[in-house]
Protein backbone atom coordinates (compact mmCIF):
# COMPACT_ATOMS: atom_id res chain seq x y z
CA TYR A 1 -0.24 6.42 -6.14
CA VAL A 2 -0.17 7.26 -2.68
CA TYR A 3 1.80 4.58 -0.81
CA ALA A 4 1.89 4.01 2.86
CA PHE A 5 3.55 1.54 4.79
CA ASN A 6 5.39 0.26 7.74
CA THR A 7 7.06 -3.09 6.93
CA ASN A 8 10.30 -3.52 5.11
CA MET A 9 10.45 -5.76 1.72
CA SER A 10 13.89 -7.20 3.31
CA GLY A 11 12.53 -10.30 5.23
CA SER A 12 8.91 -9.88 4.60
CA ALA A 13 8.25 -12.72 2.07
CA SER A 14 5.53 -15.40 4.03
CA GLY A 15 8.47 -17.50 4.82
CA GLY A 16 10.70 -15.07 6.23
CA GLU A 17 12.73 -14.50 2.89
CA ASP A 18 13.57 -10.94 1.30
CA LEU A 19 10.83 -9.52 -1.39
CA HIS A 20 12.65 -7.75 -4.10
CA MET A 21 10.42 -6.44 -7.25
CA TYR A 22 10.78 -4.82 -10.82
CA ASN A 23 8.37 -2.90 -13.13
CA SER A 24 8.24 -4.01 -16.77
CA ASP A 25 5.58 -1.76 -17.55
CA GLY A 26 7.19 1.53 -16.79
CA ASP A 27 9.35 3.84 -14.83
CA PHE A 28 8.24 4.61 -11.28
CA LEU A 29 8.78 8.28 -10.03
CA ILE A 30 8.86 8.34 -6.18
CA VAL A 31 7.97 11.26 -4.00
CA PRO A 32 8.66 10.50 0.06
CA GLN A 33 6.56 12.51 2.25
CA GLN A 34 6.87 11.32 5.82
CA GLU A 35 9.91 8.81 6.69
CA ALA A 36 13.08 8.26 4.41
CA LEU A 37 13.57 5.68 2.29
CA TRP A 38 16.27 2.92 1.89
CA ILE A 39 15.95 1.60 -1.58
CA GLN A 40 18.71 -1.18 -2.95
CA THR A 41 19.18 -1.98 -6.79
CA GLU A 42 20.95 -4.01 -8.94
CA ILE A 43 22.85 -1.27 -9.63
CA GLY A 44 23.59 0.09 -6.07
CA ARG A 45 22.02 1.94 -2.97
CA LEU A 46 19.75 4.58 -2.68
CA THR A 47 18.97 6.82 0.68
CA VAL A 48 15.96 9.14 -0.14
CA ALA A 49 14.43 11.45 2.23
CA PRO A 50 11.29 13.73 1.82
CA GLY A 51 12.36 16.66 0.22
CA GLU A 52 14.22 14.25 -2.56
CA ILE A 53 12.79 12.51 -5.14
CA CYS A 54 13.90 9.10 -7.31
CA VAL A 55 13.29 7.27 -10.24
CA ILE A 56 13.51 3.53 -10.39
CA PRO A 57 13.66 2.88 -14.36
CA ARG A 58 11.71 -0.18 -16.29
CA GLY A 59 13.07 -3.66 -15.35
CA ILE A 60 15.83 -2.55 -12.39
CA VAL A 61 15.41 -4.75 -9.72
CA PHE A 62 14.66 -2.84 -6.39
CA THR A 63 13.51 -3.18 -2.61
CA VAL A 64 12.59 -0.38 -0.66
CA ASN A 65 13.05 -0.65 3.05
CA ILE A 66 12.50 2.43 5.91
CA LEU A 67 15.76 4.02 6.63
CA ASN A 68 14.93 4.32 10.39
CA PRO A 69 12.26 2.10 10.88
CA GLU A 70 12.73 2.24 15.17
CA ASN A 71 10.69 5.45 14.17
CA THR A 72 7.82 4.09 12.97
CA ALA A 73 8.21 1.29 15.71
CA GLU A 74 8.33 3.26 18.62
CA ASP A 75 5.26 5.72 17.43
CA GLY A 76 3.39 3.40 15.20
CA SER A 77 3.92 5.45 12.40
CA PHE A 78 4.64 4.81 8.98
CA ALA A 79 6.29 6.14 5.84
CA ARG A 80 4.02 7.41 2.94
CA GLY A 81 4.72 9.40 -0.32
CA TYR A 82 3.52 9.55 -3.85
CA MET A 83 4.49 8.09 -7.04
CA LEU A 84 4.21 8.50 -10.54
CA GLU A 85 4.64 5.28 -13.25
CA ILE A 86 4.80 6.35 -16.81
CA PHE A 87 4.07 3.43 -19.60
CA ARG A 88 6.22 4.91 -22.33
CA SER A 89 9.39 7.24 -22.74
CA HIS A 90 11.54 8.03 -19.84
CA PHE A 91 11.96 10.95 -17.67
CA ILE A 92 14.18 13.59 -18.76
CA LEU A 93 15.30 17.51 -18.40
CA PRO A 94 12.99 20.07 -19.56
CA GLU A 95 14.19 22.14 -22.35
CA LEU A 96 15.18 25.55 -21.36
CA GLY A 97 14.91 27.21 -24.50
CA PRO A 98 15.31 31.38 -23.42
CA ILE A 99 16.27 30.32 -19.95
CA GLY A 100 19.65 29.45 -21.36
CA SER A 101 22.36 26.64 -20.19
CA ASN A 102 21.70 26.71 -16.61
CA GLY A 103 18.17 26.98 -13.98
CA LEU A 104 15.65 24.80 -13.13
CA ALA A 105 16.70 21.18 -12.12
CA ASN A 106 20.65 21.37 -13.19
CA SER A 107 21.70 18.06 -14.39
CA ARG A 108 24.90 18.09 -11.66
CA ASP A 109 23.11 17.96 -9.13
CA PHE A 110 21.41 14.43 -9.90
CA LEU A 111 23.16 11.77 -7.95
CA HIS A 112 23.48 7.81 -8.66
CA PRO A 113 24.62 4.94 -6.95
CA THR A 114 27.79 3.26 -7.37
CA ALA A 115 27.72 -0.81 -7.51
CA HIS A 116 27.14 -2.35 -4.41
CA TYR A 117 27.88 -6.17 -4.24
CA GLU A 118 26.61 -8.28 -1.47
CA SER A 119 29.63 -10.27 -0.92
CA GLU A 120 29.05 -12.04 1.79
CA ASP A 121 28.00 -15.50 1.60
CA SER A 122 24.95 -15.57 3.98
CA GLN A 123 23.39 -12.68 1.70
CA ALA A 124 24.43 -13.52 -1.77
CA ASN A 125 23.67 -16.92 -1.19
CA LYS A 126 20.42 -16.27 0.34
CA SER A 127 17.25 -17.24 -1.14
CA CYS A 128 14.61 -14.57 -2.18
CA ILE A 129 10.89 -13.79 -3.57
CA ILE A 130 11.14 -12.09 -6.94
CA VAL A 131 8.00 -9.93 -7.76
CA ASN A 132 7.60 -8.66 -11.41
CA LYS A 133 5.03 -6.06 -12.32
CA PHE A 134 3.88 -6.92 -16.27
CA GLY A 135 0.76 -5.67 -18.11
CA GLN A 136 -0.69 -4.33 -14.81
CA HIS A 137 -0.51 -7.61 -12.97
CA LEU A 138 1.83 -9.16 -10.35
CA PHE A 139 3.91 -12.44 -10.90
CA GLN A 140 6.41 -13.74 -8.30
CA ARG A 141 9.21 -16.39 -8.47
CA SER A 142 11.38 -18.05 -5.70
CA ASN A 143 15.20 -17.31 -6.65
CA PRO A 144 18.19 -19.20 -5.51
CA HIS A 145 20.31 -16.25 -4.77
CA SER A 146 20.56 -12.46 -4.43
CA PRO A 147 19.71 -10.39 -7.28
CA TYR A 148 22.30 -7.88 -5.71
CA ASN A 149 25.23 -9.46 -7.26
CA VAL A 150 26.31 -6.64 -10.06
CA VAL A 151 30.37 -6.16 -8.89
CA ALA A 152 30.51 -3.06 -11.19
CA TRP A 153 28.66 -1.67 -14.21
CA HIS A 154 28.72 0.71 -16.93
CA GLY A 155 26.16 2.76 -19.01
CA ASN A 156 23.49 5.65 -18.01
CA TYR A 157 20.22 3.38 -17.77
CA LEU A 158 20.14 3.47 -14.19
CA PRO A 159 18.11 4.61 -11.10
CA TYR A 160 18.86 8.23 -9.58
CA LYS A 161 17.97 10.79 -6.98
CA TYR A 162 17.76 14.73 -6.70
CA ASP A 163 17.40 16.91 -4.27
CA LEU A 164 14.48 19.11 -4.65
CA GLY A 165 16.32 22.01 -2.60
CA ARG A 166 18.59 22.25 -5.50
CA PHE A 167 15.71 23.71 -7.75
CA CYS A 168 16.92 27.18 -9.38
CA ALA A 169 13.05 28.51 -9.72
CA VAL A 170 12.55 30.99 -12.31
CA ASN A 171 9.27 33.54 -11.90
CA SER A 172 7.85 36.73 -12.91
CA VAL A 173 9.38 39.77 -11.78
CA THR A 174 6.94 42.03 -13.08
CA TYR A 175 3.11 40.69 -13.19
CA ASP A 176 0.63 37.45 -13.44
CA HIS A 177 1.27 34.19 -12.44
CA PRO A 178 3.12 32.20 -15.01
CA ASP A 179 2.28 28.44 -16.38
CA PRO A 180 3.12 25.91 -13.64
CA SER A 181 5.35 24.08 -16.09
CA ILE A 182 7.92 27.44 -15.03
CA TYR A 183 8.56 24.73 -12.12
CA THR A 184 9.15 21.74 -14.17
CA VAL A 185 11.87 19.10 -12.53
CA LEU A 186 11.08 16.40 -14.89
CA THR A 187 9.29 15.56 -17.91
CA ALA A 188 8.49 12.93 -20.33
CA LYS A 189 7.89 13.35 -24.02
CA GLY A 190 4.30 12.60 -25.23
CA ASP A 191 3.19 11.83 -28.74
CA GLU A 192 1.99 15.73 -29.42
CA ASN A 193 3.96 19.13 -29.67
CA GLY A 194 3.50 21.22 -26.70
CA THR A 195 1.88 18.56 -24.32
CA ALA A 196 4.15 16.09 -22.28
CA LEU A 197 3.00 12.40 -21.30
CA ALA A 198 4.13 13.27 -17.57
CA ASP A 199 5.50 16.41 -16.20
CA PHE A 200 6.93 16.61 -12.50
CA VAL A 201 6.34 19.96 -11.17
CA ILE A 202 7.50 21.66 -7.87
CA PHE A 203 6.41 24.83 -6.18
CA PRO A 204 9.40 25.18 -4.01
CA PRO A 205 10.21 28.41 -1.40
CA ARG A 206 10.52 31.32 -3.64
CA VAL A 207 10.40 35.36 -3.96
CA MET A 208 7.27 36.08 -5.56
CA ALA A 209 8.37 39.92 -7.18
CA THR A 210 5.13 40.91 -9.03
CA ASP A 211 4.26 44.41 -10.24
CA GLN A 212 1.05 46.29 -8.36
CA ASN A 213 -2.44 45.33 -8.94
CA THR A 214 -1.32 41.65 -10.00
CA PHE A 215 -2.99 38.40 -8.72
CA ARG A 216 -0.23 36.01 -7.32
CA PRO A 217 -2.14 32.15 -6.90
CA PRO A 218 -2.74 30.29 -10.02
CA TRP A 219 -6.28 31.75 -12.43
CA PHE A 220 -9.02 29.94 -12.72
CA HIS A 221 -8.71 27.48 -15.60
CA ARG A 222 -9.26 24.86 -17.55
CA ASN A 223 -6.50 22.91 -19.62
CA VAL A 224 -5.52 19.74 -21.73
CA MET A 225 -3.61 17.72 -18.96
CA THR A 226 -4.60 16.02 -15.91
CA GLU A 227 -3.34 17.62 -12.64
CA PHE A 228 -2.78 15.59 -9.31
CA MET A 229 -1.67 17.80 -6.40
CA GLY A 230 0.68 16.57 -3.35
CA LEU A 231 2.08 18.34 -0.26
CA ILE A 232 5.59 17.26 1.04
CA TYR A 233 5.45 19.85 3.95
CA GLY A 234 4.00 23.13 5.23
CA LYS A 235 0.85 24.97 3.27
CA TYR A 236 0.21 25.55 -0.45
CA ASP A 237 -0.63 29.28 -0.69
CA ALA A 238 -3.80 28.42 -3.27
CA LYS A 239 -5.78 26.41 -0.89
CA LYS A 240 -5.70 27.85 2.40
CA GLY A 241 -9.22 25.92 3.01
CA LYS A 242 -12.60 26.49 4.65
CA LYS A 243 -12.41 27.79 8.19
CA GLY A 244 -12.10 24.82 10.16
CA SER A 245 -11.24 22.30 7.49
CA GLY A 246 -7.27 22.90 7.58
CA GLY A 247 -7.04 23.34 4.07
CA PHE A 248 -4.75 21.19 2.31
CA VAL A 249 -2.60 19.02 4.43
CA PRO A 250 0.70 17.04 3.82
CA GLY A 251 0.42 13.67 2.26
CA GLY A 252 -3.06 14.50 1.13
CA ALA A 253 -3.74 14.96 -2.90
CA SER A 254 -6.08 16.35 -5.20
CA LEU A 255 -6.84 15.36 -8.52
CA HIS A 256 -8.36 18.00 -11.13
CA SER A 257 -9.20 16.24 -14.36
CA ILE A 258 -8.96 17.40 -18.06
CA MET A 259 -11.17 20.16 -18.78
CA THR A 260 -12.02 20.33 -15.39
CA PRO A 261 -12.36 24.11 -14.15
CA HIS A 262 -10.65 24.40 -10.92
CA GLY A 263 -8.25 27.74 -9.04
CA PRO A 264 -7.42 29.08 -5.53
CA ASP A 265 -10.24 28.28 -3.12
CA ALA A 266 -12.40 30.75 -1.91
CA ALA A 267 -10.26 32.07 0.99
CA SER A 268 -7.18 32.05 -0.60
CA TYR A 269 -9.09 34.47 -3.67
CA ASP A 270 -10.13 36.87 -1.30
CA ALA A 271 -6.59 37.26 0.45
CA ASN A 272 -4.78 38.17 -2.57
CA VAL A 273 -7.32 40.30 -4.26
CA LYS A 274 -6.65 42.39 -1.05
CA ASN A 275 -3.19 41.76 -1.64
CA PRO A 276 -1.66 45.40 -2.98
CA CYS A 277 1.72 43.16 -3.63
CA ASP A 278 3.33 46.42 -3.49
CA GLU A 279 6.96 44.71 -2.50
CA PRO A 280 8.08 41.22 -3.02
CA THR A 281 6.94 38.56 -0.85
CA LYS A 282 8.70 34.83 0.13
CA PHE A 283 6.85 32.15 0.23
CA GLU A 284 8.40 29.34 2.34
CA GLY A 285 5.66 27.79 3.93
CA GLY A 286 5.76 24.89 2.44
CA LEU A 287 6.60 22.61 -0.68
CA ALA A 288 3.70 21.31 -2.89
CA PHE A 289 4.27 19.09 -6.11
CA MET A 290 2.18 18.50 -9.13
CA PHE A 291 2.15 15.13 -11.39
CA GLU A 292 0.81 16.40 -14.94
CA SER A 293 -0.23 14.32 -17.71
CA SER A 294 -1.96 14.88 -21.14
CA ALA A 295 -3.81 11.35 -20.30
CA MET A 296 -6.92 10.56 -18.51
CA CYS A 297 -6.34 8.91 -15.41
CA LYS A 298 -9.01 6.64 -13.94
CA LEU A 299 -9.85 6.41 -10.17
CA SER A 300 -9.34 3.11 -8.42
CA GLN A 301 -12.59 1.65 -6.70
CA TYR A 302 -10.45 2.16 -3.14
CA ALA A 303 -9.67 6.00 -3.93
CA LEU A 304 -13.28 6.81 -4.86
CA ASN A 305 -14.85 4.62 -1.32
CA CYS A 306 -11.91 5.19 0.96
CA GLY A 307 -12.99 7.33 4.10
CA GLN A 308 -10.05 9.64 3.67
CA ARG A 309 -11.95 11.26 0.36
CA GLU A 310 -13.28 14.74 0.66
CA ARG A 311 -16.37 14.53 -0.44
CA ASP A 312 -17.12 18.01 -0.42
CA TYR A 313 -13.86 19.03 -1.66
CA ALA A 314 -15.76 21.15 -4.36
CA SER A 315 -17.54 23.20 -1.62
CA CYS A 316 -14.20 25.18 -1.23
CA TRP A 317 -15.39 27.65 -3.95
CA ASP A 318 -18.33 28.37 -2.17
CA GLY A 319 -18.47 32.42 -1.35
CA LEU A 320 -16.74 33.36 -4.86
CA ASP A 321 -19.21 36.22 -5.57
CA ARG A 322 -19.94 37.80 -8.50
CA VAL A 323 -17.13 41.13 -8.67
CA PHE A 324 -18.11 42.44 -12.19
CA PRO A 325 -21.51 44.58 -12.53
CA THR A 326 -24.35 43.61 -14.84
CA GLN A 327 -25.08 45.52 -17.91
CA ALA A 328 -28.53 46.69 -16.30
CA GLU A 329 -25.99 47.88 -12.96
CA GLU A 330 -23.91 49.65 -15.04
CA LYS A 331 -26.51 51.79 -16.95
C-alpha cells in the first residue's frame, strides 16, 4: 500500500470519538516517507519518523496520528508512506549464514514500547470506535471505554520499531552487484526453500568498492519475485530518469511483477558503462527500499486508473542500443 492522510485517527469518528483499529488478517510493516507518526497500541506508544520503520502484529489494537500535526496544518501537507501486509508467517531477521553473528539488522537495535495505561478517567472511560479488518473487509463497533487499559505485559508478541540508519550493510569489495537480498532488513518465510513470502530490503548509503571494469547497478533480469520499490528520500542510483522527467522521486513507487524483465534505465546504464570503477565510491544520495514477495500482487483499480500513474514508464529503457556486434559484423 501507499498511504497518505492529514487527519488523525484520534477524534476522527463521525461522533467525534477516537478511532482505533486492529487487523485480523495479517501483520503491518509501516515505512513513513513524509511526516513522523505517533502510534499508540495496547502494548504502549511508538514514534516512527521517516528513516525508521515499525511492525504492528496481527490482532494488536492501534491508533495512528501525525506526530506534529501543526506542520501539516500550516502548509497543507500530509503524512505519506508505504505499508506491506503479510497474511501468514511473521517478520524475522534473515539468517546470516557465512556473514556470522553480526551484520545487516542487528537484534539489539530493535525497540519495543513500554506499557502505557491511560489512567485519566476522561480517557480511560471514553467511548470510542474500534475497526476490525477481517477477511479483507472492515467492520466496526462502539466500545464503552479505551482499549489502551493495559497496565503491564510480558511476552514477545508485540509491536516494534527500527532505525534504518543502524543497518550494517555488507557489499562486494571485488566485482559485480550482489543480489539485493544482501540488504534484507526483515524477512517472512515462505512455503518453498530459497524463496521468501516477503522480504523488506533497503538500499542505504554505502561504499561501493568494486574492481575495474565492473557494472555497479543491478543487472538486467527477470526473477520469481514480485518487486515493489519505493524511495524515502533523495535519488535512486539505477533510475536517473529521462531528461526533464525527474526520475524516481520520493513518495513514488514502481512495481515489477514476477518474470517481468527490468533493470537500470538508459541514462543509468550509459553513465555506469562509462564509469571505470577505479576507486571506491560512496552512494549517499538517497534511501530506497524494496518489498519483495514470491506472491503475485494484484493491482487495485485505483492504482491502474489514478492520475499519478506513469503510463509511459517502459520508455525509460528507450535508447538502450545494441552494443555487441552481429556475426556478420564480426566477419
